[in-house]
Structure formats: structure tokens, C-alpha cells
């Protein structure tokens, strides 16, 4: 499970935070803002991908009034072997 705070513009194609599998670049889960500066906690349930290398990608390809995304407090549990 990965969780993070997201706010900003609502544009799932151009503004989002995503969990991406490193081996092939596949987006496993993503979230966008809701056209507000109030952050909300987003949880990506990724139990089907335990053992995969995953990274968080933040995409901001929009402009205008709500043409931004805010991401904070990302929590990625890691078990060291």
C-alpha cells in the first residue's frame, strides 16, 4: 500500500500522481486533484505487486487556473532484506 496527499487541479490525463511499475513503466494506480487546495489522502492498494519495483511519478502537463497538482507526505513501506 502507498498513500499520499493530493490536491490541485482535476485533470486525470495531464495532472496526476501515479504508482508506476519500474520494469515496464505500467501505471498501476493514479489520482488527480479535485480543483481545490485542500489535500486529501489517497491510498493505492498494490498488494498484487508485492516484490515489484514501483516508483511514484508526478505529472504536471497542464496550465491555467487549476493547471497544477500538489503532492505531499508520500508513504511507501519498504521491507529491507
N, C-alpha and C. Protein backbone atom coordinates (compact mmCIF):
# COMPACT_ATOMS: atom_id res chain seq x y z
N UNK A 1 0.84 -1.17 0.00
CA UNK A 1 0.00 0.00 0.00
C UNK A 1 0.90 1.24 0.00
N UNK A 2 0.56 2.20 -0.84
CA UNK A 2 1.21 3.50 -0.87
C UNK A 2 0.14 4.54 -0.58
N UNK A 3 0.44 5.50 0.28
CA UNK A 3 -0.52 6.58 0.49
C UNK A 3 0.19 7.92 0.40
N UNK A 4 -0.55 8.94 -0.04
CA UNK A 4 -0.01 10.28 -0.22
C UNK A 4 -1.13 11.30 -0.19
N UNK A 5 -0.76 12.56 0.02
CA UNK A 5 -1.73 13.66 -0.03
C UNK A 5 -1.71 14.26 -1.43
N UNK A 6 -2.91 14.53 -1.97
CA UNK A 6 -3.05 15.10 -3.31
C UNK A 6 -4.04 16.24 -3.26
N UNK A 7 -3.74 17.32 -3.98
CA UNK A 7 -4.68 18.43 -4.17
C UNK A 7 -4.32 19.13 -5.48
N UNK A 8 -5.08 20.16 -5.81
CA UNK A 8 -4.82 20.91 -7.04
C UNK A 8 -5.86 20.63 -8.09
N UNK A 9 -5.48 20.81 -9.34
CA UNK A 9 -6.41 20.69 -10.46
C UNK A 9 -6.91 19.27 -10.70
N UNK A 10 -8.09 19.20 -11.32
CA UNK A 10 -8.73 17.93 -11.64
C UNK A 10 -8.60 17.68 -13.14
N UNK A 11 -7.58 16.93 -13.50
CA UNK A 11 -7.32 16.61 -14.90
C UNK A 11 -6.55 15.29 -14.94
N UNK A 12 -7.25 14.16 -14.92
CA UNK A 12 -6.57 12.86 -14.80
C UNK A 12 -5.65 12.51 -15.96
N UNK A 13 -5.76 13.22 -17.08
CA UNK A 13 -4.87 12.94 -18.20
C UNK A 13 -3.59 13.76 -18.16
N UNK A 14 -3.63 14.96 -17.52
CA UNK A 14 -2.45 15.84 -17.54
C UNK A 14 -1.94 16.23 -16.16
N UNK A 15 -2.69 15.95 -15.11
CA UNK A 15 -2.28 16.27 -13.74
C UNK A 15 -2.56 15.07 -12.85
N UNK A 16 -1.51 14.39 -12.41
CA UNK A 16 -1.76 13.24 -11.55
C UNK A 16 -0.49 12.77 -10.83
N UNK A 17 -0.71 12.02 -9.78
CA UNK A 17 0.34 11.27 -9.11
C UNK A 17 0.03 9.80 -9.38
N UNK A 18 1.04 9.03 -9.73
CA UNK A 18 0.82 7.65 -10.12
C UNK A 18 1.84 6.72 -9.48
N UNK A 19 1.40 5.49 -9.24
CA UNK A 19 2.31 4.41 -8.87
C UNK A 19 2.62 3.67 -10.17
N UNK A 20 3.91 3.58 -10.50
CA UNK A 20 4.34 3.02 -11.78
C UNK A 20 5.29 1.86 -11.54
N UNK A 21 5.06 0.76 -12.26
CA UNK A 21 5.97 -0.39 -12.16
C UNK A 21 7.24 -0.06 -12.94
N UNK A 22 8.38 -0.15 -12.27
CA UNK A 22 9.65 0.27 -12.86
C UNK A 22 10.08 -0.59 -14.05
N UNK A 23 9.78 -1.87 -14.02
CA UNK A 23 10.27 -2.76 -15.08
C UNK A 23 9.70 -2.45 -16.46
N UNK A 24 8.43 -2.03 -16.51
CA UNK A 24 7.81 -1.80 -17.83
C UNK A 24 7.11 -0.45 -17.96
N UNK A 25 7.14 0.38 -16.91
CA UNK A 25 6.52 1.70 -16.99
C UNK A 25 5.01 1.70 -16.93
N UNK A 26 4.41 0.58 -16.56
CA UNK A 26 2.95 0.49 -16.49
C UNK A 26 2.42 1.27 -15.28
N UNK A 27 1.43 2.13 -15.51
CA UNK A 27 0.77 2.85 -14.43
C UNK A 27 -0.18 1.88 -13.73
N UNK A 28 0.05 1.66 -12.45
CA UNK A 28 -0.75 0.71 -11.68
C UNK A 28 -1.92 1.38 -10.98
N UNK A 29 -1.76 2.65 -10.61
CA UNK A 29 -2.81 3.42 -9.96
C UNK A 29 -2.46 4.89 -10.09
N UNK A 30 -3.48 5.75 -10.17
CA UNK A 30 -3.19 7.18 -10.21
C UNK A 30 -4.34 7.97 -9.62
N UNK A 31 -4.02 9.20 -9.22
CA UNK A 31 -5.01 10.10 -8.63
C UNK A 31 -4.73 11.52 -9.09
N UNK A 32 -5.78 12.30 -9.23
CA UNK A 32 -5.67 13.71 -9.59
C UNK A 32 -6.31 14.54 -8.48
N UNK A 33 -6.18 15.85 -8.57
CA UNK A 33 -6.81 16.73 -7.60
C UNK A 33 -8.30 16.84 -7.85
N UNK A 34 -8.95 17.68 -7.05
CA UNK A 34 -10.39 17.90 -7.17
C UNK A 34 -10.69 19.39 -7.30
N UNK A 35 -9.77 20.11 -7.94
CA UNK A 35 -9.90 21.57 -8.12
C UNK A 35 -10.11 22.27 -6.79
N UNK A 36 -9.27 21.90 -5.83
CA UNK A 36 -9.24 22.54 -4.52
C UNK A 36 -7.82 22.43 -3.97
N UNK A 37 -7.48 23.36 -3.10
CA UNK A 37 -6.16 23.29 -2.47
C UNK A 37 -6.19 22.43 -1.21
N UNK A 38 -7.36 21.97 -0.81
CA UNK A 38 -7.46 21.10 0.36
C UNK A 38 -6.98 19.70 -0.01
N UNK A 39 -5.94 19.26 0.66
CA UNK A 39 -5.38 17.94 0.36
C UNK A 39 -6.30 16.83 0.85
N UNK A 40 -6.25 15.71 0.13
CA UNK A 40 -6.96 14.51 0.56
C UNK A 40 -5.97 13.35 0.53
N UNK A 41 -6.16 12.41 1.43
CA UNK A 41 -5.30 11.24 1.49
C UNK A 41 -5.77 10.24 0.44
N UNK A 42 -4.85 9.82 -0.42
CA UNK A 42 -5.12 8.84 -1.46
C UNK A 42 -4.34 7.57 -1.11
N UNK A 43 -4.99 6.42 -1.23
CA UNK A 43 -4.34 5.15 -0.92
C UNK A 43 -4.36 4.28 -2.18
N UNK A 44 -3.20 3.82 -2.57
CA UNK A 44 -3.07 2.88 -3.68
C UNK A 44 -2.84 1.50 -3.09
N UNK A 45 -3.80 0.59 -3.24
CA UNK A 45 -3.65 -0.79 -2.78
C UNK A 45 -2.92 -1.58 -3.85
N UNK A 46 -1.70 -1.97 -3.57
CA UNK A 46 -0.86 -2.61 -4.58
C UNK A 46 -0.39 -4.00 -4.14
N UNK A 47 -1.20 -4.69 -3.37
CA UNK A 47 -0.78 -6.00 -2.85
C UNK A 47 -0.50 -7.01 -3.96
N UNK A 48 -1.13 -6.84 -5.10
CA UNK A 48 -0.86 -7.75 -6.23
C UNK A 48 0.53 -7.55 -6.82
N UNK A 49 1.22 -6.49 -6.38
CA UNK A 49 2.52 -6.17 -6.96
C UNK A 49 3.65 -6.24 -5.94
N UNK A 50 3.42 -6.98 -4.85
CA UNK A 50 4.49 -7.16 -3.86
C UNK A 50 5.67 -7.84 -4.55
N UNK A 51 6.83 -7.27 -4.33
CA UNK A 51 8.05 -7.79 -4.95
C UNK A 51 8.45 -7.03 -6.20
N UNK A 52 7.52 -6.26 -6.78
CA UNK A 52 7.84 -5.43 -7.94
C UNK A 52 8.52 -4.15 -7.49
N UNK A 53 9.39 -3.61 -8.32
CA UNK A 53 9.95 -2.28 -8.07
C UNK A 53 8.94 -1.27 -8.57
N UNK A 54 8.52 -0.36 -7.69
CA UNK A 54 7.49 0.63 -8.02
C UNK A 54 7.99 2.00 -7.61
N UNK A 55 7.69 3.00 -8.43
CA UNK A 55 8.03 4.37 -8.07
C UNK A 55 6.81 5.25 -8.21
N UNK A 56 6.86 6.41 -7.57
CA UNK A 56 5.79 7.40 -7.67
C UNK A 56 6.20 8.43 -8.71
N UNK A 57 5.32 8.68 -9.66
CA UNK A 57 5.54 9.67 -10.71
C UNK A 57 4.51 10.79 -10.54
N UNK A 58 4.96 12.03 -10.57
CA UNK A 58 4.07 13.17 -10.51
C UNK A 58 4.10 13.85 -11.87
N UNK A 59 2.92 13.97 -12.51
CA UNK A 59 2.81 14.55 -13.85
C UNK A 59 2.04 15.86 -13.76
N UNK A 60 2.63 16.92 -14.31
CA UNK A 60 2.01 18.25 -14.34
C UNK A 60 2.20 18.82 -15.74
N UNK A 61 1.26 18.52 -16.63
CA UNK A 61 1.33 18.96 -18.01
C UNK A 61 0.18 19.90 -18.37
N UNK A 62 -0.35 20.60 -17.40
CA UNK A 62 -1.49 21.49 -17.63
C UNK A 62 -1.10 22.91 -17.24
N UNK A 63 -1.92 23.86 -17.67
CA UNK A 63 -1.72 25.25 -17.26
C UNK A 63 -3.08 25.88 -17.01
N UNK A 64 -3.09 27.14 -16.71
CA UNK A 64 -4.34 27.81 -16.41
C UNK A 64 -4.61 27.82 -14.92
N UNK A 65 -5.82 28.21 -14.56
CA UNK A 65 -6.19 28.41 -13.16
C UNK A 65 -5.99 27.20 -12.27
N UNK A 66 -6.39 26.04 -12.71
CA UNK A 66 -6.19 24.83 -11.93
C UNK A 66 -5.17 23.92 -12.60
N UNK A 67 -4.24 24.51 -13.31
CA UNK A 67 -3.23 23.74 -14.04
C UNK A 67 -2.03 23.37 -13.19
N UNK A 68 -2.28 22.83 -12.01
CA UNK A 68 -1.20 22.37 -11.14
C UNK A 68 -1.69 21.23 -10.26
N UNK A 69 -0.74 20.48 -9.75
CA UNK A 69 -1.05 19.42 -8.80
C UNK A 69 -0.09 19.55 -7.62
N UNK A 70 -0.60 19.26 -6.44
CA UNK A 70 0.21 19.27 -5.22
C UNK A 70 0.25 17.85 -4.67
N UNK A 71 1.44 17.41 -4.31
CA UNK A 71 1.62 16.07 -3.73
C UNK A 71 2.53 16.22 -2.52
N UNK A 72 2.14 15.58 -1.42
CA UNK A 72 2.93 15.66 -0.19
C UNK A 72 2.77 14.38 0.61
N UNK A 73 3.63 14.22 1.59
CA UNK A 73 3.55 13.16 2.58
C UNK A 73 3.32 11.78 1.97
N UNK A 74 4.17 11.43 1.01
CA UNK A 74 4.10 10.11 0.39
C UNK A 74 4.71 9.07 1.33
N UNK A 75 3.97 7.99 1.56
CA UNK A 75 4.41 6.91 2.43
C UNK A 75 4.50 5.63 1.63
N UNK A 76 5.71 5.12 1.53
CA UNK A 76 5.95 3.89 0.78
C UNK A 76 6.63 2.91 1.71
N UNK A 77 5.90 1.90 2.19
CA UNK A 77 6.52 0.95 3.10
C UNK A 77 7.57 0.11 2.37
N UNK A 78 8.71 -0.05 3.01
CA UNK A 78 9.80 -0.81 2.42
C UNK A 78 10.29 -1.81 3.45
N UNK A 79 10.40 -3.03 3.04
CA UNK A 79 10.96 -4.06 3.92
C UNK A 79 12.36 -4.39 3.41
N UNK A 80 13.31 -4.19 4.26
CA UNK A 80 14.70 -4.48 3.88
C UNK A 80 15.03 -5.93 4.19
N UNK A 81 15.73 -6.54 3.28
CA UNK A 81 16.07 -7.96 3.49
C UNK A 81 17.45 -8.11 4.06
